């Protein structure tokens, strides 16, 4: 292993220094118990009182009260510099590759707009991207259209196989990404390849993939019909495809991407592949081997800033990006959720962003609902990173129907260093903290760290079980002195000394990202609403 970074050493020293602080004296016993019983059993013991908790006190500061003179405005993130801040100009492949890092809109950036639509391509261009990625199929009557799947069912709701359908039949369909983007997302037609090329071939770089693998001649002929086509078009196919050789012989730059099963075969195809593609989830050593070839490496799919940062650190230059406005840091950091808008904010992602939409929560009139089994975490990247020295985080949640088992809960993970995907029970742990209100009424705060084999219980307290359909409010205060969490059983009730509280003097983590979570293996739905962040006194004591 390499030398420990200064930041890692600082955090390790903080954790060591805080070992004897109030709220952490149970750590040794809790770890031993956790190792013996596992996380699910561990939380169950906490829920029934087998692990002693530390209740809060009346001296905790008032939740979500801005400190005098402190701004509640969110800090702006610096935009990624390798991409123009505004659209304009003519972008060629040489221009794209001349920057230290470069970005291609994967399917037109399907985390932001309905994928493979003119709306998506236009949005990506407006965000300053120099390059688009287009998937192509040929209809039964020979029209080249832009669509990822061979069948239109996922995107339109109608079961048509593109190579067996006429263009006239496809033209009446509309791409519907509302299951992924929210009910306010627009319905968009399936574009033809000519529409896309006519709009952007002269000004942008376009990665073109024949998904069917049988349209090489027709595609090359169409590409050749555009001026300076070799400056603007990249032939995209799996790295093992023999079609690269024909495109390469025609003078086109080729991008060969290698899936998980073919990562060890890249060396056999370097003579016909100019740019190499690697999954963003590939192991570090594999990515480094691709980079060591000296060819520019492009990773896909990039949904998160943490994915971008990891890939850049490994030498990857190209990001086939599904979430361009968020990854490029073009959105202001929000202080309030935007659930009521019915449109998923850039950066709000389920833990599995590549799940073909199955992990995306349902939108409600006021919030979102984490429902299906496995839908266990939802990162609110649109509200991160929180860069305030002292801050409050508030959210309301409820079980809309039947309660889960008494030891299972819902709440928030916070203080996370980045927006990396994480869910309860996943190992290795993320950094930060988790607060859960269990169905049995226990409020539990524990710390997560990659350095620790099990979650570390910091504090817990007993209270009345939540009622199905009743909103519960959790108010989290994070200062330099520690953490205080208050549960207000009735919506809108002011904090009081009798409210259920937990406090901890732990200061190990102060990352600025957070997630909504539910710790329920059965998939019982949990709803969240009214998530907001406010500035507070950074030096406020969590307990007098």
Protein backbone atom coordinates (compact mmCIF):
# COMPACT_ATOMS: atom_id res chain seq x y z
CA UNK A 1 0.00 0.00 0.00
CA UNK A 2 1.11 3.57 -0.65
CA UNK A 3 1.91 6.15 1.98
CA UNK A 4 -1.02 7.43 4.01
CA UNK A 5 -2.29 10.77 2.75
CA UNK A 6 -2.23 13.82 5.03
CA UNK A 7 -6.04 13.86 5.07
CA UNK A 8 -6.26 10.17 6.00
CA UNK A 9 -3.67 10.66 8.75
CA UNK A 10 -5.60 13.63 10.11
CA UNK A 11 -8.82 11.66 10.28
CA UNK A 12 -7.10 8.69 11.88
CA UNK A 13 -5.63 10.99 14.52
CA UNK A 14 -9.04 12.54 15.15
CA UNK A 15 -10.61 9.14 15.67
CA UNK A 16 -7.85 8.11 18.04
CA UNK A 17 -8.09 11.36 19.98
CA UNK A 18 -11.85 11.01 20.29
CA UNK A 19 -11.79 7.44 21.60
CA UNK A 20 -12.47 8.52 25.14
CA UNK A 21 -14.86 11.37 24.37
CA UNK A 22 -18.40 11.38 25.77
CA UNK A 23 -20.63 9.14 23.74
CA UNK A 24 -17.87 6.77 22.60
CA UNK A 25 -17.03 4.84 25.80
CA UNK A 26 -19.28 2.00 24.59
CA UNK A 27 -17.24 1.49 21.44
CA UNK A 28 -15.24 -1.56 22.57
CA UNK A 29 -18.25 -3.44 23.88
CA UNK A 30 -20.36 -2.54 20.91
CA UNK A 31 -17.73 -3.64 18.42
CA UNK A 32 -17.38 -6.98 20.16
CA UNK A 33 -21.13 -7.44 20.18
CA UNK A 34 -21.39 -6.41 16.52
CA UNK A 35 -18.71 -8.85 15.46
CA UNK A 36 -20.47 -11.63 17.32
CA UNK A 37 -23.97 -10.99 16.00
CA UNK A 38 -23.56 -9.10 12.71
CA UNK A 39 -25.11 -5.75 11.79
CA UNK A 40 -28.76 -6.83 11.55
CA UNK A 41 -28.63 -8.63 14.90
CA UNK A 42 -26.57 -5.76 16.32
CA UNK A 43 -29.27 -3.21 15.54
CA UNK A 44 -31.87 -5.59 16.87
CA UNK A 45 -30.09 -5.74 20.21
CA UNK A 46 -29.92 -1.94 20.28
CA UNK A 47 -33.64 -1.76 19.53
CA UNK A 48 -34.60 -3.92 22.52
CA UNK A 49 -32.19 -2.18 24.89
CA UNK A 50 -29.47 -4.84 25.18
CA UNK A 51 -26.94 -2.13 24.30
CA UNK A 52 -27.12 0.86 26.62
CA UNK A 53 -27.72 4.20 24.89
CA UNK A 54 -26.83 7.77 25.70
CA UNK A 55 -29.78 10.12 25.77
CA UNK A 56 -29.55 13.78 24.90
CA UNK A 57 -29.92 16.68 27.32
CA UNK A 58 -31.79 19.94 27.48
CA UNK A 59 -28.73 22.04 26.62
CA UNK A 60 -28.57 21.09 22.95
CA UNK A 61 -28.87 24.04 20.54
CA UNK A 62 -32.15 24.69 18.77
CA UNK A 63 -32.33 22.71 15.52
CA UNK A 64 -32.10 24.64 12.27
CA UNK A 65 -31.76 28.10 13.76
CA UNK A 66 -29.29 30.18 11.72
CA UNK A 67 -26.56 31.75 13.80
CA UNK A 68 -26.57 35.58 13.88
CA UNK A 69 -24.69 37.02 10.93
CA UNK A 70 -24.23 33.67 9.24
CA UNK A 71 -25.39 33.22 5.67
CA UNK A 72 -27.64 30.33 4.76
CA UNK A 73 -26.58 30.51 1.10
CA UNK A 74 -24.98 27.40 -0.35
CA UNK A 75 -21.42 27.69 -1.60
CA UNK A 76 -21.00 27.44 -5.36
CA UNK A 77 -18.82 24.67 -6.78
CA UNK A 78 -16.18 25.56 -9.32
CA UNK A 79 -17.24 24.22 -12.74
CA UNK A 80 -15.02 21.59 -14.38
CA UNK A 81 -12.51 23.62 -16.36
CA UNK A 82 -11.91 21.25 -19.29
CA UNK A 83 -15.43 21.83 -20.62
CA UNK A 84 -16.57 25.25 -21.90
CA UNK A 85 -18.83 27.05 -19.46
CA UNK A 86 -21.15 28.02 -22.32
CA UNK A 87 -21.97 26.51 -25.71
CA UNK A 88 -20.43 27.85 -28.89
CA UNK A 89 -17.65 27.30 -31.39
CA UNK A 90 -16.63 24.30 -33.44
CA UNK A 91 -15.33 21.27 -31.60
CA UNK A 92 -13.26 18.63 -33.37
CA UNK A 93 -11.86 15.34 -32.18
CA UNK A 94 -8.39 16.89 -31.99
CA UNK A 95 -9.81 19.65 -29.81
CA UNK A 96 -11.55 17.13 -27.56
CA UNK A 97 -8.43 15.03 -27.06
CA UNK A 98 -6.23 18.07 -26.43
CA UNK A 99 -7.75 18.68 -22.97
CA UNK A 100 -6.44 16.87 -19.87
CA UNK A 101 -9.90 15.38 -19.34
CA UNK A 102 -12.87 15.25 -21.70
CA UNK A 103 -16.54 14.39 -21.44
CA UNK A 104 -19.01 12.69 -23.77
CA UNK A 105 -22.75 12.79 -23.12
CA UNK A 106 -23.65 9.12 -22.61
CA UNK A 107 -26.98 8.56 -24.42
CA UNK A 108 -27.25 12.34 -24.38
CA UNK A 109 -26.88 12.35 -20.56
CA UNK A 110 -29.78 10.14 -19.57
CA UNK A 111 -29.67 11.17 -15.89
CA UNK A 112 -30.75 14.66 -16.91
CA UNK A 113 -33.05 14.23 -19.92
CA UNK A 114 -34.84 11.34 -21.69
CA UNK A 115 -31.99 9.37 -23.23
CA UNK A 116 -31.22 9.42 -26.95
CA UNK A 117 -33.58 12.29 -27.76
CA UNK A 118 -33.03 15.65 -29.38
CA UNK A 119 -33.95 17.14 -26.00
CA UNK A 120 -31.04 15.28 -24.39
CA UNK A 121 -28.53 16.12 -27.09
CA UNK A 122 -29.54 19.80 -27.03
CA UNK A 123 -29.28 19.90 -23.23
CA UNK A 124 -25.80 18.41 -23.28
CA UNK A 125 -24.64 20.85 -25.94
CA UNK A 126 -26.10 23.74 -23.92
CA UNK A 127 -24.07 22.50 -20.93
CA UNK A 128 -20.90 23.00 -22.98
CA UNK A 129 -20.14 19.40 -23.91
CA UNK A 130 -18.05 18.93 -27.01
CA UNK A 131 -19.10 15.33 -27.67
CA UNK A 132 -22.26 13.23 -27.83
CA UNK A 133 -22.75 9.47 -27.88
CA UNK A 134 -25.41 8.00 -30.16
CA UNK A 135 -26.71 4.41 -30.43
CA UNK A 136 -28.13 3.44 -33.81
CA UNK A 137 -30.57 0.84 -35.14
CA UNK A 138 -32.03 0.45 -38.63
CA UNK A 139 -35.77 0.08 -39.06
CA UNK A 140 -37.28 -2.54 -41.35
CA UNK A 141 -37.42 0.08 -44.13
CA UNK A 142 -33.82 1.17 -43.66
CA UNK A 143 -34.13 4.36 -41.59
CA UNK A 144 -31.31 4.79 -39.06
CA UNK A 145 -32.76 5.84 -35.69
CA UNK A 146 -31.21 6.71 -32.33
CA UNK A 147 -32.18 4.28 -29.57
CA UNK A 148 -30.23 2.15 -27.13
CA UNK A 149 -32.41 -0.95 -26.94
CA UNK A 150 -33.44 -3.19 -29.83
CA UNK A 151 -36.96 -3.08 -28.41
CA UNK A 152 -38.90 0.08 -27.58
CA UNK A 153 -40.75 -1.35 -24.55
CA UNK A 154 -38.53 0.13 -21.81
CA UNK A 155 -38.53 3.65 -23.22
CA UNK A 156 -41.98 3.96 -24.79
CA UNK A 157 -44.19 1.32 -23.17
CA UNK A 158 -44.93 -0.19 -26.58
CA UNK A 159 -43.45 -3.53 -27.55
CA UNK A 160 -41.79 -2.97 -30.93
CA UNK A 161 -38.56 -4.51 -32.18
CA UNK A 162 -36.87 -1.78 -34.20
CA UNK A 163 -35.35 -3.93 -36.98
CA UNK A 164 -38.82 -5.41 -37.62
CA UNK A 165 -40.80 -2.14 -37.40
CA UNK A 166 -41.31 0.57 -39.98
CA UNK A 167 -40.11 4.08 -39.30
CA UNK A 168 -43.70 5.32 -39.58
CA UNK A 169 -44.64 3.06 -36.66
CA UNK A 170 -41.74 4.31 -34.53
CA UNK A 171 -42.41 7.95 -35.37
CA UNK A 172 -45.68 7.85 -33.44
CA UNK A 173 -43.99 6.66 -30.22
CA UNK A 174 -42.63 8.86 -27.45
CA UNK A 175 -39.70 8.16 -25.16
CA UNK A 176 -40.94 8.17 -21.58
CA UNK A 177 -38.23 8.35 -18.90
CA UNK A 178 -40.58 9.29 -16.06
CA UNK A 179 -39.75 6.12 -14.13
CA UNK A 180 -36.18 7.46 -13.92
CA UNK A 181 -36.48 11.24 -14.14
CA UNK A 182 -39.84 11.85 -12.47
CA UNK A 183 -43.44 12.48 -13.56
CA UNK A 184 -42.67 15.99 -14.85
CA UNK A 185 -40.18 14.69 -17.42
CA UNK A 186 -41.19 15.45 -21.00
CA UNK A 187 -42.22 12.85 -23.58
CA UNK A 188 -39.88 12.92 -26.57
CA UNK A 189 -39.90 11.34 -30.04
CA UNK A 190 -37.30 8.89 -31.29
CA UNK A 191 -34.94 10.90 -33.51
CA UNK A 192 -33.37 9.74 -36.74
CA UNK A 193 -29.61 9.73 -37.01
CA UNK A 194 -29.84 12.29 -39.81
CA UNK A 195 -31.63 14.69 -37.48
CA UNK A 196 -28.79 14.44 -34.98
CA UNK A 197 -26.03 14.71 -37.57
CA UNK A 198 -27.70 17.62 -39.34
CA UNK A 199 -27.86 19.47 -36.02
CA UNK A 200 -24.41 18.70 -34.61
CA UNK A 201 -22.07 17.06 -37.15
CA UNK A 202 -20.46 20.35 -38.15
CA UNK A 203 -19.87 21.61 -34.60
CA UNK A 204 -19.42 18.63 -32.28
CA UNK A 205 -17.80 15.24 -31.94
CA UNK A 206 -20.26 12.35 -32.22
CA UNK A 207 -19.52 8.80 -31.09
CA UNK A 208 -21.70 6.56 -33.28
CA UNK A 209 -22.43 2.93 -32.44
CA UNK A 210 -24.16 0.41 -34.67
CA UNK A 211 -25.94 -1.54 -31.91
CA UNK A 212 -27.21 -4.11 -34.37
CA UNK A 213 -23.76 -4.71 -35.87
CA UNK A 214 -25.12 -5.19 -39.39
CA UNK A 215 -25.29 -1.60 -40.66
CA UNK A 216 -21.60 -0.86 -41.18
CA UNK A 217 -21.82 0.02 -44.87
CA UNK A 218 -24.92 2.20 -44.49
CA UNK A 219 -23.46 4.02 -41.51
CA UNK A 220 -20.08 4.65 -43.09
CA UNK A 221 -21.76 5.92 -46.26
CA UNK A 222 -23.89 8.35 -44.25
CA UNK A 223 -20.89 9.51 -42.21
CA UNK A 224 -18.89 10.07 -45.40
CA UNK A 225 -21.62 12.35 -46.73
CA UNK A 226 -20.85 15.03 -44.12
CA UNK A 227 -17.97 17.50 -44.60
CA UNK A 228 -14.88 16.93 -42.43
CA UNK A 229 -16.52 13.81 -41.08
CA UNK A 230 -13.26 12.30 -39.83
CA UNK A 231 -12.72 15.33 -37.63
CA UNK A 232 -16.11 14.91 -35.99
CA UNK A 233 -17.13 11.24 -35.97
CA UNK A 234 -15.80 8.38 -33.85
CA UNK A 235 -16.73 4.78 -34.64
CA UNK A 236 -17.89 3.10 -31.45
CA UNK A 237 -18.28 -0.68 -30.98
CA UNK A 238 -17.34 -3.37 -28.48
CA UNK A 239 -13.57 -3.73 -28.56
CA UNK A 240 -13.85 -7.26 -29.91
CA UNK A 241 -15.92 -6.23 -32.96
CA UNK A 242 -14.38 -6.87 -36.36
CA UNK A 243 -16.16 -3.79 -37.75
CA UNK A 244 -13.48 -1.57 -36.23
CA UNK A 245 -11.10 -2.65 -38.97
CA UNK A 246 -13.38 -1.43 -41.75
CA UNK A 247 -14.03 1.88 -40.00
CA UNK A 248 -10.33 2.23 -39.28
CA UNK A 249 -9.48 1.52 -42.90
CA UNK A 250 -11.92 4.26 -43.90
CA UNK A 251 -9.93 6.77 -41.86
CA UNK A 252 -12.19 7.03 -38.82
CA UNK A 253 -10.99 7.09 -35.23
CA UNK A 254 -12.34 4.06 -33.38
CA UNK A 255 -13.35 3.58 -29.76
CA UNK A 256 -13.45 -0.02 -28.55
CA UNK A 257 -15.05 -0.58 -25.18
CA UNK A 258 -14.46 -3.77 -23.22
CA UNK A 259 -17.05 -5.22 -20.89
CA UNK A 260 -16.33 -7.09 -17.70
CA UNK A 261 -15.95 -10.44 -19.50
CA UNK A 262 -13.51 -9.03 -22.08
CA UNK A 263 -11.21 -6.82 -20.02
CA UNK A 264 -8.27 -9.19 -20.46
CA UNK A 265 -8.60 -9.18 -24.28
CA UNK A 266 -7.84 -5.54 -25.03
CA UNK A 267 -4.25 -6.23 -26.07
CA UNK A 268 -5.44 -8.42 -28.95
CA UNK A 269 -7.34 -5.56 -30.63
CA UNK A 270 -5.06 -2.55 -30.29
CA UNK A 271 -4.21 -2.49 -33.99
CA UNK A 272 -7.79 -1.49 -34.91
CA UNK A 273 -8.79 0.48 -31.80
CA UNK A 274 -7.53 4.02 -31.20
CA UNK A 275 -9.38 4.79 -27.97
CA UNK A 276 -10.00 2.25 -25.22
CA UNK A 277 -13.15 1.89 -23.12
CA UNK A 278 -13.35 0.45 -19.61
CA UNK A 279 -16.33 0.15 -17.23
CA UNK A 280 -16.26 2.76 -14.49
CA UNK A 281 -16.62 -0.08 -11.98
CA UNK A 282 -13.52 -1.95 -13.18
CA UNK A 283 -10.90 -2.66 -10.49
CA UNK A 284 -8.13 -0.11 -10.05
CA UNK A 285 -5.42 -2.43 -11.34
CA UNK A 286 -7.39 -3.17 -14.50
CA UNK A 287 -7.95 0.52 -15.18
CA UNK A 288 -4.24 1.18 -14.70
CA UNK A 289 -3.41 -1.56 -17.23
CA UNK A 290 -5.63 0.10 -19.81
CA UNK A 291 -4.02 3.48 -19.10
CA UNK A 292 -0.55 1.93 -19.39
CA UNK A 293 -1.18 1.13 -23.08
CA UNK A 294 -0.72 4.82 -23.82
CA UNK A 295 -4.06 5.03 -25.62
CA UNK A 296 -6.60 7.54 -24.32
CA UNK A 297 -8.98 5.65 -22.02
CA UNK A 298 -12.69 6.48 -21.74
CA UNK A 299 -14.74 5.09 -18.86
CA UNK A 300 -18.48 4.52 -18.83
CA UNK A 301 -21.03 5.11 -17.27
CA UNK A 302 -20.07 8.06 -15.06
CA UNK A 303 -22.98 9.16 -12.87
CA UNK A 304 -21.25 10.61 -9.81
CA UNK A 305 -18.51 13.06 -8.94
CA UNK A 306 -16.81 10.40 -6.85
CA UNK A 307 -16.62 8.12 -9.91
CA UNK A 308 -15.09 10.95 -11.92
CA UNK A 309 -12.52 11.70 -9.22
CA UNK A 310 -11.48 8.07 -8.86
CA UNK A 311 -11.11 7.56 -12.60
CA UNK A 312 -9.09 10.74 -13.04
CA UNK A 313 -6.77 9.64 -10.23
CA UNK A 314 -6.14 6.39 -12.13
CA UNK A 315 -5.22 8.19 -15.35
CA UNK A 316 -8.52 7.90 -17.22
CA UNK A 317 -9.06 10.96 -19.41
CA UNK A 318 -12.46 10.43 -20.99
CA UNK A 319 -15.77 10.32 -19.12
CA UNK A 320 -18.76 8.80 -20.93
CA UNK A 321 -21.04 10.75 -18.63
CA UNK A 322 -24.73 10.16 -17.90
CA UNK A 323 -25.11 13.12 -15.54
CA UNK A 324 -23.31 16.01 -17.18
CA UNK A 325 -24.79 18.98 -15.32
CA UNK A 326 -24.04 17.42 -11.95
CA UNK A 327 -20.64 15.91 -12.72
CA UNK A 328 -19.52 19.12 -14.43
CA UNK A 329 -20.68 21.02 -11.32
CA UNK A 330 -22.92 23.37 -13.25
CA UNK A 331 -25.79 23.25 -10.73
CA UNK A 332 -25.92 25.40 -7.60
CA UNK A 333 -25.91 23.43 -4.36
CA UNK A 334 -29.50 23.36 -3.10
CA UNK A 335 -30.57 23.99 0.49
CA UNK A 336 -34.01 22.41 0.05
CA UNK A 337 -35.13 19.28 -1.76
CA UNK A 338 -37.01 19.70 -5.04
CA UNK A 339 -39.31 16.69 -4.73
CA UNK A 340 -42.46 18.74 -5.28
CA UNK A 341 -41.26 19.64 -8.78
CA UNK A 342 -41.71 16.01 -9.83
CA UNK A 343 -38.38 16.02 -11.63
CA UNK A 344 -35.28 14.36 -10.24
CA UNK A 345 -32.61 16.92 -9.49
CA UNK A 346 -29.17 16.45 -11.02
CA UNK A 347 -27.11 14.50 -8.49
CA UNK A 348 -30.00 12.80 -6.71
CA UNK A 349 -29.28 9.15 -7.34
CA UNK A 350 -30.26 5.74 -5.96
CA UNK A 351 -27.38 3.64 -4.71
CA UNK A 352 -27.46 1.60 -7.93
CA UNK A 353 -27.56 4.23 -10.68
CA UNK A 354 -26.98 1.62 -13.40
CA UNK A 355 -29.98 -0.50 -12.42
CA UNK A 356 -32.19 0.18 -15.46
CA UNK A 357 -34.26 2.48 -13.27
CA UNK A 358 -35.51 -0.15 -10.80
CA UNK A 359 -33.89 1.56 -7.78
CA UNK A 360 -35.31 5.03 -8.42
CA UNK A 361 -37.82 6.07 -5.71
CA UNK A 362 -41.37 6.95 -6.64
CA UNK A 363 -42.30 10.63 -6.66
CA UNK A 364 -45.22 11.69 -4.48
CA UNK A 365 -47.03 15.02 -4.28
CA UNK A 366 -44.67 16.16 -1.52
CA UNK A 367 -41.74 13.80 -1.50
CA UNK A 368 -40.32 10.48 -2.60
CA UNK A 369 -40.99 6.88 -1.60
CA UNK A 370 -38.29 4.23 -1.27
CA UNK A 371 -40.29 1.11 -1.88
CA UNK A 372 -38.96 -2.01 -3.54
CA UNK A 373 -36.58 -4.46 -1.81
CA UNK A 374 -33.02 -3.23 -2.30
CA UNK A 375 -34.10 0.39 -2.73
CA UNK A 376 -32.17 1.20 0.39
CA UNK A 377 -30.47 4.55 -0.15
CA UNK A 378 -30.95 7.73 -2.13
CA UNK A 379 -28.06 10.20 -2.27
CA UNK A 380 -29.16 13.83 -2.44
CA UNK A 381 -26.18 15.00 -4.45
CA UNK A 382 -28.10 18.10 -5.49
CA UNK A 383 -27.77 19.32 -1.88
CA UNK A 384 -24.09 18.46 -1.55
CA UNK A 385 -21.52 19.10 -0.60
CA UNK A 386 -22.55 21.01 2.49
CA UNK A 387 -19.60 23.32 3.08
CA UNK A 388 -20.88 25.19 6.13
CA UNK A 389 -18.73 25.01 9.26
CA UNK A 390 -21.82 24.31 11.35
CA UNK A 391 -25.02 23.06 9.83
CA UNK A 392 -28.40 21.57 10.49
CA UNK A 393 -30.05 18.87 8.41
CA UNK A 394 -33.77 18.19 8.73
CA UNK A 395 -36.01 15.61 7.07
CA UNK A 396 -39.45 14.11 7.61
CA UNK A 397 -40.21 10.44 7.02
CA UNK A 398 -43.01 7.95 7.55
CA UNK A 399 -44.03 4.40 6.89
CA UNK A 400 -47.15 4.87 4.85
CA UNK A 401 -48.53 1.41 5.59
CA UNK A 402 -47.44 -1.53 7.73
CA UNK A 403 -44.41 -1.01 9.97
CA UNK A 404 -41.40 -3.30 9.51
CA UNK A 405 -39.86 -5.34 12.32
CA UNK A 406 -39.13 -3.37 15.48
CA UNK A 407 -35.35 -3.38 14.91
CA UNK A 408 -35.57 -2.05 11.35
CA UNK A 409 -35.53 1.66 10.67
CA UNK A 410 -35.23 4.61 8.34
CA UNK A 411 -33.30 7.84 8.51
CA UNK A 412 -30.25 9.52 7.04
CA UNK A 413 -26.59 8.86 6.39
CA UNK A 414 -24.58 12.09 6.69
CA UNK A 415 -21.06 13.43 7.02
CA UNK A 416 -20.03 11.37 4.00
CA UNK A 417 -16.83 12.42 2.26
CA UNK A 418 -18.26 12.05 -1.22
CA UNK A 419 -21.31 10.92 -3.17
CA UNK A 420 -20.14 7.32 -3.65
CA UNK A 421 -22.91 4.75 -3.75
CA UNK A 422 -23.57 3.13 -0.38
CA UNK A 423 -26.46 1.40 1.32
CA UNK A 424 -27.09 -0.04 4.81
CA UNK A 425 -25.31 -3.33 5.32
CA UNK A 426 -22.84 -2.73 2.51
CA UNK A 427 -19.17 -3.40 3.22
CA UNK A 428 -16.73 -1.74 3.12
CA UNK A 429 -18.49 1.08 4.85
CA UNK A 430 -18.64 4.62 3.65
CA UNK A 431 -17.36 7.39 5.90
CA UNK A 432 -19.75 9.31 8.08
CA UNK A 433 -22.72 8.62 10.32
CA UNK A 434 -26.15 7.03 10.18
CA UNK A 435 -29.15 7.98 12.28
CA UNK A 436 -32.16 5.67 12.21
CA UNK A 437 -35.54 5.77 13.86
CA UNK A 438 -36.60 2.15 14.23
CA UNK A 439 -40.15 0.87 14.01
CA UNK A 440 -39.83 0.12 17.73
CA UNK A 441 -39.22 3.79 18.51
CA UNK A 442 -35.48 3.63 19.18
CA UNK A 443 -33.34 6.51 17.89
CA UNK A 444 -29.88 5.17 17.02
CA UNK A 445 -26.74 7.02 15.90
CA UNK A 446 -23.70 5.13 14.74
CA UNK A 447 -20.46 5.88 12.94
CA UNK A 448 -19.21 4.23 9.77
CA UNK A 449 -15.59 3.99 8.71
CA UNK A 450 -13.66 1.88 6.19
CA UNK A 451 -11.12 1.41 8.99
CA UNK A 452 -13.64 -0.26 11.29
CA UNK A 453 -15.02 -3.76 10.80
CA UNK A 454 -18.45 -2.93 12.18
CA UNK A 455 -20.59 0.17 12.73
CA UNK A 456 -19.72 1.92 15.99
CA UNK A 457 -22.69 2.80 18.17
CA UNK A 458 -22.37 6.39 19.39
CA UNK A 459 -25.73 7.00 21.06
CA UNK A 460 -29.28 5.71 21.29
CA UNK A 461 -32.46 6.39 23.17
CA UNK A 462 -35.91 4.85 23.54
CA UNK A 463 -39.16 6.51 22.53
CA UNK A 464 -42.65 5.71 21.41
CA UNK A 465 -43.02 3.65 18.22
CA UNK A 466 -43.95 5.69 15.14
CA UNK A 467 -47.47 5.36 13.83
CA UNK A 468 -48.13 4.21 10.25
CA UNK A 469 -48.93 7.23 8.11
CA UNK A 470 -47.66 9.77 10.68
CA UNK A 471 -44.76 12.02 9.67
CA UNK A 472 -41.70 11.94 11.91
CA UNK A 473 -39.20 14.80 11.90
CA UNK A 474 -35.48 14.27 12.51
CA UNK A 475 -33.31 17.34 13.11
CA UNK A 476 -29.54 16.81 12.93
CA UNK A 477 -27.05 19.40 14.20
CA UNK A 478 -23.40 19.12 13.21
CA UNK A 479 -20.85 21.42 14.87
CA UNK A 480 -17.17 21.35 15.72
CA UNK A 481 -18.17 20.07 19.17
CA UNK A 482 -20.21 17.07 18.08
CA UNK A 483 -23.59 15.92 16.82
CA UNK A 484 -27.08 16.34 18.28
CA UNK A 485 -30.21 14.72 16.87
CA UNK A 486 -33.78 15.43 17.91
CA UNK A 487 -36.93 13.54 17.06
CA UNK A 488 -40.15 15.55 17.11
CA UNK A 489 -43.06 13.17 17.08
CA UNK A 490 -45.60 15.68 15.77
CA UNK A 491 -45.07 17.64 12.60
CA UNK A 492 -44.12 21.27 13.20
CA UNK A 493 -43.71 20.88 16.96
CA UNK A 494 -40.92 23.08 18.38
CA UNK A 495 -37.95 21.32 19.97
CA UNK A 496 -38.28 20.88 23.73
CA UNK A 497 -36.38 19.34 26.60
CA UNK A 498 -38.82 16.43 26.56
CA UNK A 499 -38.18 15.59 22.91
CA UNK A 500 -36.35 12.36 22.14
CA UNK A 501 -32.66 13.12 21.57
CA UNK A 502 -29.28 11.55 21.09
CA UNK A 503 -25.95 13.36 21.25
CA UNK A 504 -22.33 12.49 20.61
CA UNK A 505 -19.04 14.36 20.85
CA UNK A 506 -17.65 12.40 17.91
CA UNK A 507 -15.91 14.65 15.36
CA UNK A 508 -14.23 12.03 13.17
CA UNK A 509 -16.12 12.91 9.98
CA UNK A 510 -17.49 16.14 8.61
CA UNK A 511 -18.01 15.34 4.93
CA UNK A 512 -20.64 17.30 3.05
CA UNK A 513 -22.77 14.62 1.36
CA UNK A 514 -25.80 12.81 2.76
CA UNK A 515 -28.39 10.19 1.79
CA UNK A 516 -31.89 9.07 2.67
CA UNK A 517 -31.84 5.46 3.84
CA UNK A 518 -34.10 2.65 4.92
CA UNK A 519 -32.91 -0.46 6.70
CA UNK A 520 -35.70 -2.82 5.70
CA UNK A 521 -34.99 -6.03 3.83
CA UNK A 522 -38.66 -6.62 3.10
CA UNK A 523 -39.15 -3.57 0.94
CA UNK A 524 -41.89 -1.91 3.00
CA UNK A 525 -42.20 1.62 1.60
CA UNK A 526 -40.78 4.62 3.46
CA UNK A 527 -41.59 8.18 2.37
CA UNK A 528 -39.40 11.28 2.78
CA UNK A 529 -40.15 14.97 2.37
CA UNK A 530 -39.05 18.46 3.48
CA UNK A 531 -35.30 17.87 3.46
CA UNK A 532 -33.39 21.07 4.13
CA UNK A 533 -30.00 22.38 5.25
CA UNK A 534 -29.41 25.48 7.38
CA UNK A 535 -26.37 27.21 8.80
CA UNK A 536 -25.88 27.16 12.58
CA UNK A 537 -23.19 28.28 15.01
CA UNK A 538 -20.16 26.14 14.19
CA UNK A 539 -18.91 26.27 17.78
CA UNK A 540 -22.19 25.47 19.50
CA UNK A 541 -21.90 22.77 22.15
CA UNK A 542 -24.09 19.76 21.49
CA UNK A 543 -24.77 19.39 25.21
CA UNK A 544 -24.24 21.80 28.11
